[in-house]
Structure formats: C-alpha cells, structure tokens
Amino acid sequence: MTRHVGFSIHTSEGGDGLVVRPEGELDLATSPELERLVLGRLDAGGAVVLDLRGLEFMDSSGVRVLVAANARAEGDGSALRIVRPEPGSPVERILTVSGIDRALPFVDDVGDAG
C-alpha cells in the first residue's frame, strides 16, 4: 500500500491479475504513482483489475491514466478491466462527461473481471 495525503493505493493478487484499488483523490499529484504501477504491470505482461469504487475525486490526469492503460493493454482484451465507480459519484460524472465510460473495458465488480 502506498499513501499520499488524501490518496492511497491498495493492491492484491487475484485470479484475474493484480487488483489495484486507489482510494481518495486521483489528481495531478497522485496520478503518476498509479500510472507507474498499472503500466508497469501491463508492460510486464500481467493483467490488471483497476477498481475505481474507492475514489472520491478524479480530474483529467486520472482520465489520462485510464486511457494510457487501455492503450497499453489493447493487444490483449483480458489484460485490463476497470471496475466502475460508485453510481452518482463525481468520478462517474467525469467518466460520463469525458465519454470514456463507453470506450474503456468497464465492469460492474471485481468478480466480473474475468
């Protein structure tokens, strides 16, 4: 687990790969840490389940991390799954406004990631 003020990342190994659970605020200051972790795992040939339900806030730098991870994983449809944020949350709103809620591999729960 890593931690910044207002942000932490929890990881665990699951049957579908590395489960990454960022919590708090994903912004310009914290997004590079998440990006290094997720892209590093994808570059090593591993699968990632990115669970967004613990995020309270995400700005455009967080959106950029999601897009970069998807681009890196594009060759393997099972390499990246993104668990949708809580309905009605600010994070869900930015995903909807940006349009990436329709373009990226979202699932409803970690168990749906397979």
PDB file of N, CA and C in Angstrom:
ATOM      1  N   MET A   1       0.855  -1.187   0.000  1.00  0.00           N
ATOM      2  CA  MET A   1       0.000   0.000   0.000  1.00  0.00           C
ATOM      3  C   MET A   1       0.892   1.239   0.000  1.00  0.00           C
ATOM      4  N   THR A   2       0.528   2.211  -0.801  1.00  0.00           N
ATOM      5  CA  THR A   2       1.220   3.489  -0.810  1.00  0.00           C
ATOM      6  C   THR A   2       0.240   4.560  -0.382  1.00  0.00           C
ATOM      7  N   ARG A   3       0.778   5.700   0.097  1.00  0.00           N
ATOM      8  CA  ARG A   3      -0.127   6.699   0.644  1.00  0.00           C
ATOM      9  C   ARG A   3       0.410   8.112   0.436  1.00  0.00           C
ATOM     10  N   HIS A   4      -0.459   8.984  -0.049  1.00  0.00           N
ATOM     11  CA  HIS A   4      -0.264  10.432  -0.088  1.00  0.00           C
ATOM     12  C   HIS A   4      -1.375  11.001   0.769  1.00  0.00           C
ATOM     13  N   VAL A   5      -1.268  12.242   1.141  1.00  0.00           N
ATOM     14  CA  VAL A   5      -2.363  12.867   1.876  1.00  0.00           C
ATOM     15  C   VAL A   5      -3.599  12.839   0.981  1.00  0.00           C
ATOM     16  N   GLY A   6      -4.667  12.201   1.452  1.00  0.00           N
ATOM     17  CA  GLY A   6      -5.897  12.116   0.688  1.00  0.00           C
ATOM     18  C   GLY A   6      -5.885  11.076  -0.420  1.00  0.00           C
ATOM     19  N   PHE A   7      -4.854  10.219  -0.505  1.00  0.00           N
ATOM     20  CA  PHE A   7      -4.769   9.232  -1.565  1.00  0.00           C
ATOM     21  C   PHE A   7      -3.966   8.030  -1.095  1.00  0.00           C
ATOM     22  N   SER A   8      -4.428   6.846  -1.456  1.00  0.00           N
ATOM     23  CA  SER A   8      -3.663   5.623  -1.211  1.00  0.00           C
ATOM     24  C   SER A   8      -3.997   4.607  -2.294  1.00  0.00           C
ATOM     25  N   ILE A   9      -3.098   3.643  -2.461  1.00  0.00           N
ATOM     26  CA  ILE A   9      -3.305   2.570  -3.428  1.00  0.00           C
ATOM     27  C   ILE A   9      -3.141   1.255  -2.689  1.00  0.00           C
ATOM     28  N   HIS A  10      -4.152   0.415  -2.775  1.00  0.00           N
ATOM     29  CA  HIS A  10      -4.106  -0.920  -2.193  1.00  0.00           C
ATOM     30  C   HIS A  10      -4.033  -1.918  -3.341  1.00  0.00           C
ATOM     31  N   THR A  11      -3.189  -2.927  -3.204  1.00  0.00           N
ATOM     32  CA  THR A  11      -3.061  -3.939  -4.246  1.00  0.00           C
ATOM     33  C   THR A  11      -3.189  -5.328  -3.642  1.00  0.00           C
ATOM     34  N   SER A  12      -3.676  -6.246  -4.446  1.00  0.00           N
ATOM     35  CA  SER A  12      -3.725  -7.657  -4.068  1.00  0.00           C
ATOM     36  C   SER A  12      -3.704  -8.488  -5.340  1.00  0.00           C
ATOM     37  N   GLU A  13      -3.204  -9.705  -5.210  1.00  0.00           N
ATOM     38  CA  GLU A  13      -3.206 -10.610  -6.362  1.00  0.00           C
ATOM     39  C   GLU A  13      -4.531 -11.352  -6.369  1.00  0.00           C
ATOM     40  N   GLY A  14      -5.193 -11.342  -7.500  1.00  0.00           N
ATOM     41  CA  GLY A  14      -6.454 -12.059  -7.656  1.00  0.00           C
ATOM     42  C   GLY A  14      -6.354 -13.027  -8.815  1.00  0.00           C
ATOM     43  N   GLY A  15      -7.382 -13.815  -9.004  1.00  0.00           N
ATOM     44  CA  GLY A  15      -7.398 -14.786 -10.087  1.00  0.00           C
ATOM     45  C   GLY A  15      -7.335 -14.136 -11.457  1.00  0.00           C
ATOM     46  N   ASP A  16      -7.730 -12.872 -11.532  1.00  0.00           N
ATOM     47  CA  ASP A  16      -7.730 -12.159 -12.811  1.00  0.00           C
ATOM     48  C   ASP A  16      -6.539 -11.227 -12.961  1.00  0.00           C
ATOM     49  N   GLY A  17      -5.573 -11.312 -12.056  1.00  0.00           N
ATOM     50  CA  GLY A  17      -4.399 -10.458 -12.142  1.00  0.00           C
ATOM     51  C   GLY A  17      -4.245  -9.606 -10.906  1.00  0.00           C
ATOM     52  N   LEU A  18      -3.506  -8.533 -11.050  1.00  0.00           N
ATOM     53  CA  LEU A  18      -3.274  -7.608  -9.953  1.00  0.00           C
ATOM     54  C   LEU A  18      -4.504  -6.724  -9.787  1.00  0.00           C
ATOM     55  N   VAL A  19      -5.111  -6.766  -8.594  1.00  0.00           N
ATOM     56  CA  VAL A  19      -6.253  -5.901  -8.303  1.00  0.00           C
ATOM     57  C   VAL A  19      -5.700  -4.636  -7.660  1.00  0.00           C
ATOM     58  N   VAL A  20      -5.975  -3.497  -8.283  1.00  0.00           N
ATOM     59  CA  VAL A  20      -5.462  -2.202  -7.827  1.00  0.00           C
ATOM     60  C   VAL A  20      -6.652  -1.359  -7.393  1.00  0.00           C
ATOM     61  N   ARG A  21      -6.628  -0.908  -6.127  1.00  0.00           N
ATOM     62  CA  ARG A  21      -7.732  -0.124  -5.574  1.00  0.00           C
ATOM     63  C   ARG A  21      -7.220   1.234  -5.087  1.00  0.00           C
ATOM     64  N   PRO A  22      -7.245   2.233  -5.964  1.00  0.00           N
ATOM     65  CA  PRO A  22      -6.895   3.579  -5.493  1.00  0.00           C
ATOM     66  C   PRO A  22      -8.044   4.132  -4.652  1.00  0.00           C
ATOM     67  N   GLU A  23      -7.689   4.886  -3.615  1.00  0.00           N
ATOM     68  CA  GLU A  23      -8.694   5.488  -2.738  1.00  0.00           C
ATOM     69  C   GLU A  23      -8.363   6.949  -2.519  1.00  0.00           C
ATOM     70  N   GLY A  24      -9.409   7.768  -2.455  1.00  0.00           N
ATOM     71  CA  GLY A  24      -9.229   9.193  -2.191  1.00  0.00           C
ATOM     72  C   GLY A  24      -9.311  10.008  -3.458  1.00  0.00           C
ATOM     73  N   GLU A  25      -8.320  10.888  -3.650  1.00  0.00           N
ATOM     74  CA  GLU A  25      -8.341  11.836  -4.756  1.00  0.00           C
ATOM     75  C   GLU A  25      -7.243  11.525  -5.772  1.00  0.00           C
ATOM     76  N   LEU A  26      -7.664  11.201  -6.989  1.00  0.00           N
ATOM     77  CA  LEU A  26      -6.735  10.930  -8.079  1.00  0.00           C
ATOM     78  C   LEU A  26      -6.635  12.189  -8.916  1.00  0.00           C
ATOM     79  N   ASP A  27      -5.462  12.844  -8.817  1.00  0.00           N
ATOM     80  CA  ASP A  27      -5.289  14.130  -9.478  1.00  0.00           C
ATOM     81  C   ASP A  27      -3.875  14.252 -10.020  1.00  0.00           C
ATOM     82  N   LEU A  28      -3.498  15.449 -10.404  1.00  0.00           N
ATOM     83  CA  LEU A  28      -2.182  15.692 -10.997  1.00  0.00           C
ATOM     84  C   LEU A  28      -1.040  15.229 -10.087  1.00  0.00           C
ATOM     85  N   ALA A  29      -1.206  15.381  -8.794  1.00  0.00           N
ATOM     86  CA  ALA A  29      -0.145  14.993  -7.857  1.00  0.00           C
ATOM     87  C   ALA A  29      -0.061  13.489  -7.644  1.00  0.00           C
ATOM     88  N   THR A  30      -1.179  12.782  -7.734  1.00  0.00           N
ATOM     89  CA  THR A  30      -1.203  11.361  -7.390  1.00  0.00           C
ATOM     90  C   THR A  30      -1.262  10.427  -8.596  1.00  0.00           C
ATOM     91  N   SER A  31      -1.688  10.923  -9.737  1.00  0.00           N
ATOM     92  CA  SER A  31      -1.861  10.049 -10.900  1.00  0.00           C
ATOM     93  C   SER A  31      -0.557   9.408 -11.398  1.00  0.00           C
ATOM     94  N   PRO A  32       0.616  10.063 -11.309  1.00  0.00           N
ATOM     95  CA  PRO A  32       1.832   9.388 -11.781  1.00  0.00           C
ATOM     96  C   PRO A  32       2.128   8.095 -11.027  1.00  0.00           C
ATOM     97  N   GLU A  33       1.827   8.048  -9.756  1.00  0.00           N
ATOM     98  CA  GLU A  33       2.069   6.839  -8.964  1.00  0.00           C
ATOM     99  C   GLU A  33       1.182   5.682  -9.455  1.00  0.00           C
ATOM    100  N   LEU A  34      -0.082   5.975  -9.683  1.00  0.00           N
ATOM    101  CA  LEU A  34      -0.991   4.945 -10.193  1.00  0.00           C
ATOM    102  C   LEU A  34      -0.580   4.511 -11.594  1.00  0.00           C
ATOM    103  N   GLU A  35      -0.206   5.475 -12.412  1.00  0.00           N
ATOM    104  CA  GLU A  35       0.207   5.159 -13.785  1.00  0.00           C
ATOM    105  C   GLU A  35       1.434   4.245 -13.802  1.00  0.00           C
ATOM    106  N   ARG A  36       2.435   4.536 -12.988  1.00  0.00           N
ATOM    107  CA  ARG A  36       3.637   3.686 -12.923  1.00  0.00           C
ATOM    108  C   ARG A  36       3.268   2.255 -12.532  1.00  0.00           C
ATOM    109  N   LEU A  37       2.414   2.120 -11.548  1.00  0.00           N
ATOM    110  CA  LEU A  37       2.025   0.802 -11.066  1.00  0.00           C
ATOM    111  C   LEU A  37       1.269   0.012 -12.134  1.00  0.00           C
ATOM    112  N   VAL A  38       0.252   0.610 -12.701  1.00  0.00           N
ATOM    113  CA  VAL A  38      -0.598  -0.088 -13.669  1.00  0.00           C
ATOM    114  C   VAL A  38       0.158  -0.367 -14.967  1.00  0.00           C
ATOM    115  N   LEU A  39       0.819   0.641 -15.523  1.00  0.00           N
ATOM    116  CA  LEU A  39       1.534   0.429 -16.777  1.00  0.00           C
ATOM    117  C   LEU A  39       2.709  -0.522 -16.602  1.00  0.00           C
ATOM    118  N   GLY A  40       3.355  -0.464 -15.447  1.00  0.00           N
ATOM    119  CA  GLY A  40       4.449  -1.393 -15.174  1.00  0.00           C
ATOM    120  C   GLY A  40       3.983  -2.840 -15.202  1.00  0.00           C
ATOM    121  N   ARG A  41       2.837  -3.093 -14.603  1.00  0.00           N
ATOM    122  CA  ARG A  41       2.295  -4.454 -14.596  1.00  0.00           C
ATOM    123  C   ARG A  41       1.884  -4.883 -16.005  1.00  0.00           C
ATOM    124  N   LEU A  42       1.245  -3.991 -16.742  1.00  0.00           N
ATOM    125  CA  LEU A  42       0.844  -4.314 -18.110  1.00  0.00           C
ATOM    126  C   LEU A  42       2.061  -4.545 -18.996  1.00  0.00           C
ATOM    127  N   ASP A  43       3.102  -3.728 -18.842  1.00  0.00           N
ATOM    128  CA  ASP A  43       4.329  -3.881 -19.631  1.00  0.00           C
ATOM    129  C   ASP A  43       5.009  -5.217 -19.355  1.00  0.00           C
ATOM    130  N   ALA A  44       4.853  -5.720 -18.132  1.00  0.00           N
ATOM    131  CA  ALA A  44       5.462  -6.999 -17.754  1.00  0.00           C
ATOM    132  C   ALA A  44       4.608  -8.181 -18.221  1.00  0.00           C
ATOM    133  N   GLY A  45       3.509  -7.899 -18.904  1.00  0.00           N
ATOM    134  CA  GLY A  45       2.666  -8.967 -19.416  1.00  0.00           C
ATOM    135  C   GLY A  45       1.591  -9.430 -18.458  1.00  0.00           C
ATOM    136  N   GLY A  46       1.421  -8.713 -17.358  1.00  0.00           N
ATOM    137  CA  GLY A  46       0.407  -9.089 -16.382  1.00  0.00           C
ATOM    138  C   GLY A  46      -0.921  -8.417 -16.652  1.00  0.00           C
ATOM    139  N   ALA A  47      -1.957  -8.967 -16.039  1.00  0.00           N
ATOM    140  CA  ALA A  47      -3.295  -8.396 -16.146  1.00  0.00           C
ATOM    141  C   ALA A  47      -3.565  -7.509 -14.935  1.00  0.00           C
ATOM    142  N   VAL A  48      -4.417  -6.504 -15.132  1.00  0.00           N
ATOM    143  CA  VAL A  48      -4.749  -5.552 -14.069  1.00  0.00           C
ATOM    144  C   VAL A  48      -6.265  -5.380 -14.003  1.00  0.00           C
ATOM    145  N   VAL A  49      -6.780  -5.421 -12.776  1.00  0.00           N
ATOM    146  CA  VAL A  49      -8.163  -5.038 -12.498  1.00  0.00           C
ATOM    147  C   VAL A  49      -8.066  -3.745 -11.695  1.00  0.00           C
ATOM    148  N   LEU A  50      -8.532  -2.659 -12.261  1.00  0.00           N
ATOM    149  CA  LEU A  50      -8.439  -1.342 -11.629  1.00  0.00           C
ATOM    150  C   LEU A  50      -9.810  -0.992 -11.064  1.00  0.00           C
ATOM    151  N   ASP A  51      -9.919  -1.023  -9.745  1.00  0.00           N
ATOM    152  CA  ASP A  51     -11.195  -0.826  -9.048  1.00  0.00           C
ATOM    153  C   ASP A  51     -11.319   0.636  -8.620  1.00  0.00           C
ATOM    154  N   LEU A  52     -12.201   1.380  -9.284  1.00  0.00           N
ATOM    155  CA  LEU A  52     -12.340   2.818  -9.040  1.00  0.00           C
ATOM    156  C   LEU A  52     -13.342   3.162  -7.940  1.00  0.00           C
ATOM    157  N   ARG A  53     -13.946   2.174  -7.297  1.00  0.00           N
ATOM    158  CA  ARG A  53     -15.007   2.457  -6.330  1.00  0.00           C
ATOM    159  C   ARG A  53     -14.544   3.213  -5.092  1.00  0.00           C
ATOM    160  N   GLY A  54     -13.257   3.204  -4.790  1.00  0.00           N
ATOM    161  CA  GLY A  54     -12.760   3.910  -3.616  1.00  0.00           C
ATOM    162  C   GLY A  54     -12.364   5.353  -3.872  1.00  0.00           C
ATOM    163  N   LEU A  55     -12.475   5.795  -5.119  1.00  0.00           N
ATOM    164  CA  LEU A  55     -12.101   7.175  -5.440  1.00  0.00           C
ATOM    165  C   LEU A  55     -13.234   8.134  -5.097  1.00  0.00           C
ATOM    166  N   GLU A  56     -12.853   9.241  -4.492  1.00  0.00           N
ATOM    167  CA  GLU A  56     -13.807  10.301  -4.169  1.00  0.00           C
ATOM    168  C   GLU A  56     -13.773  11.414  -5.213  1.00  0.00           C
ATOM    169  N   PHE A  57     -12.636  11.515  -5.920  1.00  0.00           N
ATOM    170  CA  PHE A  57     -12.435  12.589  -6.886  1.00  0.00           C
ATOM    171  C   PHE A  57     -11.439  12.105  -7.926  1.00  0.00           C
ATOM    172  N   MET A  58     -11.629  12.540  -9.171  1.00  0.00           N
ATOM    173  CA  MET A  58     -10.659  12.280 -10.221  1.00  0.00           C
ATOM    174  C   MET A  58     -10.718  13.429 -11.214  1.00  0.00           C
ATOM    175  N   ASP A  59      -9.554  13.968 -11.571  1.00  0.00           N
ATOM    176  CA  ASP A  59      -9.525  15.025 -12.574  1.00  0.00           C
ATOM    177  C   ASP A  59      -9.037  14.450 -13.902  1.00  0.00           C
ATOM    178  N   SER A  60      -8.754  15.317 -14.857  1.00  0.00           N
ATOM    179  CA  SER A  60      -8.374  14.867 -16.193  1.00  0.00           C
ATOM    180  C   SER A  60      -7.073  14.073 -16.207  1.00  0.00           C
ATOM    181  N   SER A  61      -6.209  14.278 -15.230  1.00  0.00           N
ATOM    182  CA  SER A  61      -4.973  13.478 -15.194  1.00  0.00           C
ATOM    183  C   SER A  61      -5.287  12.021 -14.866  1.00  0.00           C
ATOM    184  N   GLY A  62      -6.326  11.785 -14.089  1.00  0.00           N
ATOM    185  CA  GLY A  62      -6.772  10.417 -13.831  1.00  0.00           C
ATOM    186  C   GLY A  62      -7.377   9.786 -15.073  1.00  0.00           C
ATOM    187  N   VAL A  63      -8.132  10.563 -15.813  1.00  0.00           N
ATOM    188  CA  VAL A  63      -8.694  10.087 -17.086  1.00  0.00           C
ATOM    189  C   VAL A  63      -7.555   9.692 -18.020  1.00  0.00           C
ATOM    190  N   ARG A  64      -6.503  10.498 -18.054  1.00  0.00           N
ATOM    191  CA  ARG A  64      -5.350  10.206 -18.904  1.00  0.00           C
ATOM    192  C   ARG A  64      -4.708   8.875 -18.527  1.00  0.00           C
ATOM    193  N   VAL A  65      -4.626   8.572 -17.232  1.00  0.00           N
ATOM    194  CA  VAL A  65      -4.063   7.296 -16.784  1.00  0.00           C
ATOM    195  C   VAL A  65      -4.906   6.137 -17.318  1.00  0.00           C
ATOM    196  N   LEU A  66      -6.227   6.259 -17.241  1.00  0.00           N
ATOM    197  CA  LEU A  66      -7.107   5.199 -17.738  1.00  0.00           C
ATOM    198  C   LEU A  66      -6.932   4.989 -19.235  1.00  0.00           C
ATOM    199  N   VAL A  67      -6.853   6.075 -19.984  1.00  0.00           N
ATOM    200  CA  VAL A  67      -6.682   5.985 -21.432  1.00  0.00           C
ATOM    201  C   VAL A  67      -5.321   5.363 -21.766  1.00  0.00           C
ATOM    202  N   ALA A  68      -4.270   5.772 -21.062  1.00  0.00           N
ATOM    203  CA  ALA A  68      -2.934   5.220 -21.297  1.00  0.00           C
ATOM    204  C   ALA A  68      -2.889   3.726 -20.977  1.00  0.00           C
ATOM    205  N   ALA A  69      -3.532   3.324 -19.894  1.00  0.00           N
ATOM    206  CA  ALA A  69      -3.559   1.906 -19.534  1.00  0.00           C
ATOM    207  C   ALA A  69      -4.306   1.099 -20.591  1.00  0.00           C
ATOM    208  N   ASN A  70      -5.408   1.630 -21.066  1.00  0.00           N
ATOM    209  CA  ASN A  70      -6.166   0.935 -22.104  1.00  0.00           C
ATOM    210  C   ASN A  70      -5.348   0.805 -23.382  1.00  0.00           C
ATOM    211  N   ALA A  71      -4.654   1.864 -23.760  1.00  0.00           N
ATOM    212  CA  ALA A  71      -3.821   1.821 -24.962  1.00  0.00           C
ATOM    213  C   ALA A  71      -2.715   0.781 -24.811  1.00  0.00           C
ATOM    214  N   ARG A  72      -2.130   0.702 -23.640  1.00  0.00           N
ATOM    215  CA  ARG A  72      -1.047  -0.248 -23.398  1.00  0.00           C
ATOM    216  C   ARG A  72      -1.559  -1.683 -23.437  1.00  0.00           C
ATOM    217  N   ALA A  73      -2.797  -1.892 -23.011  1.00  0.00           N
ATOM    218  CA  ALA A  73      -3.360  -3.239 -22.919  1.00  0.00           C
ATOM    219  C   ALA A  73      -4.130  -3.653 -24.162  1.00  0.00           C
ATOM    220  N   GLU A  74      -4.253  -2.796 -25.153  1.00  0.00           N
ATOM    221  CA  GLU A  74      -5.136  -3.055 -26.284  1.00  0.00           C
ATOM    222  C   GLU A  74      -4.902  -4.366 -27.002  1.00  0.00           C
ATOM    223  N   GLY A  75      -3.688  -4.842 -27.055  1.00  0.00           N
ATOM    224  CA  GLY A  75      -3.417  -6.089 -27.761  1.00  0.00           C
ATOM    225  C   GLY A  75      -4.038  -7.301 -27.098  1.00  0.00           C
ATOM    226  N   ASP A  76      -4.350  -7.208 -25.823  1.00  0.00           N
ATOM    227  CA  ASP A  76      -4.893  -8.342 -25.073  1.00  0.00           C
ATOM    228  C   ASP A  76      -6.160  -7.883 -24.369  1.00  0.00           C
ATOM    229  N   GLY A  77      -7.301  -8.304 -24.863  1.00  0.00           N
ATOM    230  CA  GLY A  77      -8.580  -7.868 -24.313  1.00  0.00           C
ATOM    231  C   GLY A  77      -8.806  -8.242 -22.864  1.00  0.00           C
ATOM    232  N   SER A  78      -8.024  -9.169 -22.327  1.00  0.00           N
ATOM    233  CA  SER A  78      -8.214  -9.561 -20.932  1.00  0.00           C
ATOM    234  C   SER A  78      -7.194  -8.919 -20.002  1.00  0.00           C
ATOM    235  N   ALA A  79      -6.291  -8.109 -20.532  1.00  0.00           N
ATOM    236  CA  ALA A  79      -5.213  -7.558 -19.715  1.00  0.00           C
ATOM    237  C   ALA A  79      -5.676  -6.449 -18.776  1.00  0.00           C
ATOM    238  N   LEU A  80      -6.748  -5.736 -19.121  1.00  0.00           N
ATOM    239  CA  LEU A  80      -7.206  -4.625 -18.295  1.00  0.00           C
ATOM    240  C   LEU A  80      -8.718  -4.674 -18.153  1.00  0.00           C
ATOM    241  N   ARG A  81      -9.160  -4.575 -16.918  1.00  0.00           N
ATOM    242  CA  ARG A  81     -10.578  -4.397 -16.602  1.00  0.00           C
ATOM    243  C   ARG A  81     -10.651  -3.252 -15.608  1.00  0.00           C
ATOM    244  N   ILE A  82     -11.659  -2.402 -15.768  1.00  0.00           N
ATOM    245  CA  ILE A  82     -11.834  -1.253 -14.878  1.00  0.00           C
ATOM    246  C   ILE A  82     -13.196  -1.376 -14.215  1.00  0.00           C
ATOM    247  N   VAL A  83     -13.198  -1.435 -12.886  1.00  0.00           N
ATOM    248  CA  VAL A  83     -14.458  -1.532 -12.150  1.00  0.00           C
ATOM    249  C   VAL A  83     -15.050  -0.138 -12.031  1.00  0.00           C
ATOM    250  N   ARG A  84     -16.305  -0.021 -12.445  1.00  0.00           N
ATOM    251  CA  ARG A  84     -16.992   1.270 -12.444  1.00  0.00           C
ATOM    252  C   ARG A  84     -16.990   1.904 -11.050  1.00  0.00           C
ATOM    253  N   PRO A  85     -16.888   3.234 -11.015  1.00  0.00           N
ATOM    254  CA  PRO A  85     -17.004   3.928  -9.720  1.00  0.00           C
ATOM    255  C   PRO A  85     -18.443   3.871  -9.214  1.00  0.00           C
ATOM    256  N   GLU A  86     -18.637   4.333  -8.003  1.00  0.00           N
ATOM    257  CA  GLU A  86     -19.967   4.346  -7.401  1.00  0.00           C
ATOM    258  C   GLU A  86     -20.925   5.187  -8.252  1.00  0.00           C
ATOM    259  N   PRO A  87     -22.153   4.697  -8.473  1.00  0.00           N
ATOM    260  CA  PRO A  87     -23.137   5.472  -9.237  1.00  0.00           C
ATOM    261  C   PRO A  87     -23.396   6.831  -8.593  1.00  0.00           C
ATOM    262  N   GLY A  88     -23.453   7.854  -9.430  1.00  0.00           N
ATOM    263  CA  GLY A  88     -23.729   9.203  -8.950  1.00  0.00           C
ATOM    264  C   GLY A  88     -22.541   9.929  -8.347  1.00  0.00           C
ATOM    265  N   SER A  89     -21.381   9.275  -8.304  1.00  0.00           N
ATOM    266  CA  SER A  89     -20.193   9.896  -7.710  1.00  0.00           C
ATOM    267  C   SER A  89     -19.573  10.904  -8.665  1.00  0.00           C
ATOM    268  N   PRO A  90     -18.746  11.813  -8.138  1.00  0.00           N
ATOM    269  CA  PRO A  90     -18.023  12.750  -9.016  1.00  0.00           C
ATOM    270  C   PRO A  90     -17.145  12.019 -10.039  1.00  0.00           C
ATOM    271  N   VAL A  91     -16.623  10.855  -9.663  1.00  0.00           N
ATOM    272  CA  VAL A  91     -15.775  10.093 -10.584  1.00  0.00           C
ATOM    273  C   VAL A  91     -16.619   9.545 -11.733  1.00  0.00           C
ATOM    274  N   GLU A  92     -17.808   9.044 -11.432  1.00  0.00           N
ATOM    275  CA  GLU A  92     -18.687   8.573 -12.502  1.00  0.00           C
ATOM    276  C   GLU A  92     -19.031   9.725 -13.451  1.00  0.00           C
ATOM    277  N   ARG A  93     -19.263  10.893 -12.896  1.00  0.00           N
ATOM    278  CA  ARG A  93     -19.613  12.036 -13.736  1.00  0.00           C
ATOM    279  C   ARG A  93     -18.493  12.412 -14.696  1.00  0.00           C
ATOM    280  N   ILE A  94     -17.243  12.414 -14.237  1.00  0.00           N
ATOM    281  CA  ILE A  94     -16.144  12.783 -15.146  1.00  0.00           C
ATOM    282  C   ILE A  94     -15.963  11.728 -16.228  1.00  0.00           C
ATOM    283  N   LEU A  95     -16.201  10.461 -15.898  1.00  0.00           N
ATOM    284  CA  LEU A  95     -16.101   9.414 -16.915  1.00  0.00           C
ATOM    285  C   LEU A  95     -17.195   9.572 -17.964  1.00  0.00           C
ATOM    286  N   THR A  96     -18.383   9.951 -17.523  1.00  0.00           N
ATOM    287  CA  THR A  96     -19.502  10.143 -18.441  1.00  0.00           C
ATOM    288  C   THR A  96     -19.293  11.379 -19.310  1.00  0.00           C
ATOM    289  N   VAL A  97     -18.899  12.483 -18.687  1.00  0.00           N
ATOM    290  CA  VAL A  97     -18.686  13.728 -19.429  1.00  0.00           C
ATOM    291  C   VAL A  97     -17.560  13.569 -20.450  1.00  0.00           C
ATOM    292  N   SER A  98     -16.510  12.859 -20.075  1.00  0.00           N
ATOM    293  CA  SER A  98     -15.379  12.670 -20.990  1.00  0.00           C
ATOM    294  C   SER A  98     -15.686  11.659 -22.088  1.00  0.00           C
ATOM    295  N   GLY A  99     -16.713  10.831 -21.889  1.00  0.00           N
ATOM    296  CA  GLY A  99     -17.081   9.835 -22.889  1.00  0.00           C
ATOM    297  C   GLY A  99     -16.334   8.524 -22.787  1.00  0.00           C
ATOM    298  N   ILE A 100     -15.363   8.431 -21.886  1.00  0.00           N
ATOM    299  CA  ILE A 100     -14.598   7.187 -21.828  1.00  0.00           C
ATOM    300  C   ILE A 100     -15.356   6.054 -21.140  1.00  0.00           C
ATOM    301  N   ASP A 101     -16.486   6.363 -20.515  1.00  0.00           N
ATOM    302  CA  ASP A 101     -17.296   5.299 -19.919  1.00  0.00           C
ATOM    303  C   ASP A 101     -17.799   4.330 -20.991  1.00  0.00           C
ATOM    304  N   ARG A 102     -17.862   4.786 -22.240  1.00  0.00           N
ATOM    305  CA  ARG A 102     -18.309   3.934 -23.342  1.00  0.00           C
ATOM    306  C   ARG A 102     -17.142   3.331 -24.123  1.00  0.00           C
ATOM    307  N   ALA A 103     -15.950   3.821 -23.902  1.00  0.00           N
ATOM    308  CA  ALA A 103     -14.810   3.409 -24.728  1.00  0.00           C
ATOM    309  C   ALA A 103     -13.845   2.445 -24.039  1.00  0.00           C
ATOM    310  N   LEU A 104     -13.885   2.373 -22.721  1.00  0.00           N
ATOM    311  CA  LEU A 104     -12.926   1.544 -21.998  1.00  0.00           C
ATOM    312  C   LEU A 104     -13.593   0.281 -21.456  1.00  0.00           C
ATOM    313  N   PRO A 105     -12.786  -0.720 -21.078  1.00  0.00           N
ATOM    314  CA  PRO A 105     -13.328  -2.023 -20.642  1.00  0.00           C
ATOM    315  C   PRO A 105     -13.850  -2.008 -19.202  1.00  0.00           C
ATOM    316  N   PHE A 106     -14.997  -1.377 -18.995  1.00  0.00           N
ATOM    317  CA  PHE A 106     -15.571  -1.286 -17.643  1.00  0.00           C
ATOM    318  C   PHE A 106     -16.374  -2.525 -17.299  1.00  0.00           C
ATOM    319  N   VAL A 107     -16.323  -2.922 -16.034  1.00  0.00           N
ATOM    320  CA  VAL A 107     -17.133  -3.997 -15.476  1.00  0.00           C
ATOM    321  C   VAL A 107     -17.781  -3.455 -14.204  1.00  0.00           C
ATOM    322  N   ASP A 108     -18.791  -4.172 -13.700  1.00  0.00           N
ATOM    323  CA  ASP A 108     -19.521  -3.696 -12.528  1.00  0.00           C
ATOM    324  C   ASP A 108     -18.894  -4.107 -11.203  1.00  0.00           C
ATOM    325  N   ASP A 109     -18.073  -5.161 -11.195  1.00  0.00           N
ATOM    326  CA  ASP A 109     -17.475  -5.649  -9.952  1.00  0.00           C
ATOM    327  C   ASP A 109     -16.193  -6.385 -10.264  1.00  0.00           C
ATOM    328  N   VAL A 110     -15.342  -6.540  -9.268  1.00  0.00           N
ATOM    329  CA  VAL A 110     -14.075  -7.250  -9.462  1.00  0.00           C
ATOM    330  C   VAL A 110     -14.331  -8.657  -9.959  1.00  0.00           C
ATOM    331  N   GLY A 111     -15.377  -9.312  -9.477  1.00  0.00           N
ATOM    332  CA  GLY A 111     -15.708 -10.654  -9.908  1.00  0.00           C
ATOM    333  C   GLY A 111     -16.126 -10.745 -11.365  1.00  0.00           C
ATOM    334  N   ASP A 112     -16.475  -9.611 -11.968  1.00  0.00           N
ATOM    335  CA  ASP A 112     -16.873  -9.584 -13.386  1.00  0.00           C
ATOM    336  C   ASP A 112     -15.656  -9.433 -14.299  1.00  0.00           C
ATOM    337  N   ALA A 113     -14.487  -9.385 -13.707  1.00  0.00           N
ATOM    338  CA  ALA A 113     -13.303  -9.035 -14.488  1.00  0.00           C
ATOM    339  C   ALA A 113     -12.792 -10.158 -15.375  1.00  0.00           C
ATOM    340  N   GLY A 114     -13.276 -11.350 -15.210  1.00  0.00           N
ATOM    341  CA  GLY A 114     -12.727 -12.463 -15.977  1.00  0.00           C
ATOM    342  C   GLY A 114     -13.236 -12.598 -17.358  1.00  0.00           C
TER     343      GLY A 114
END
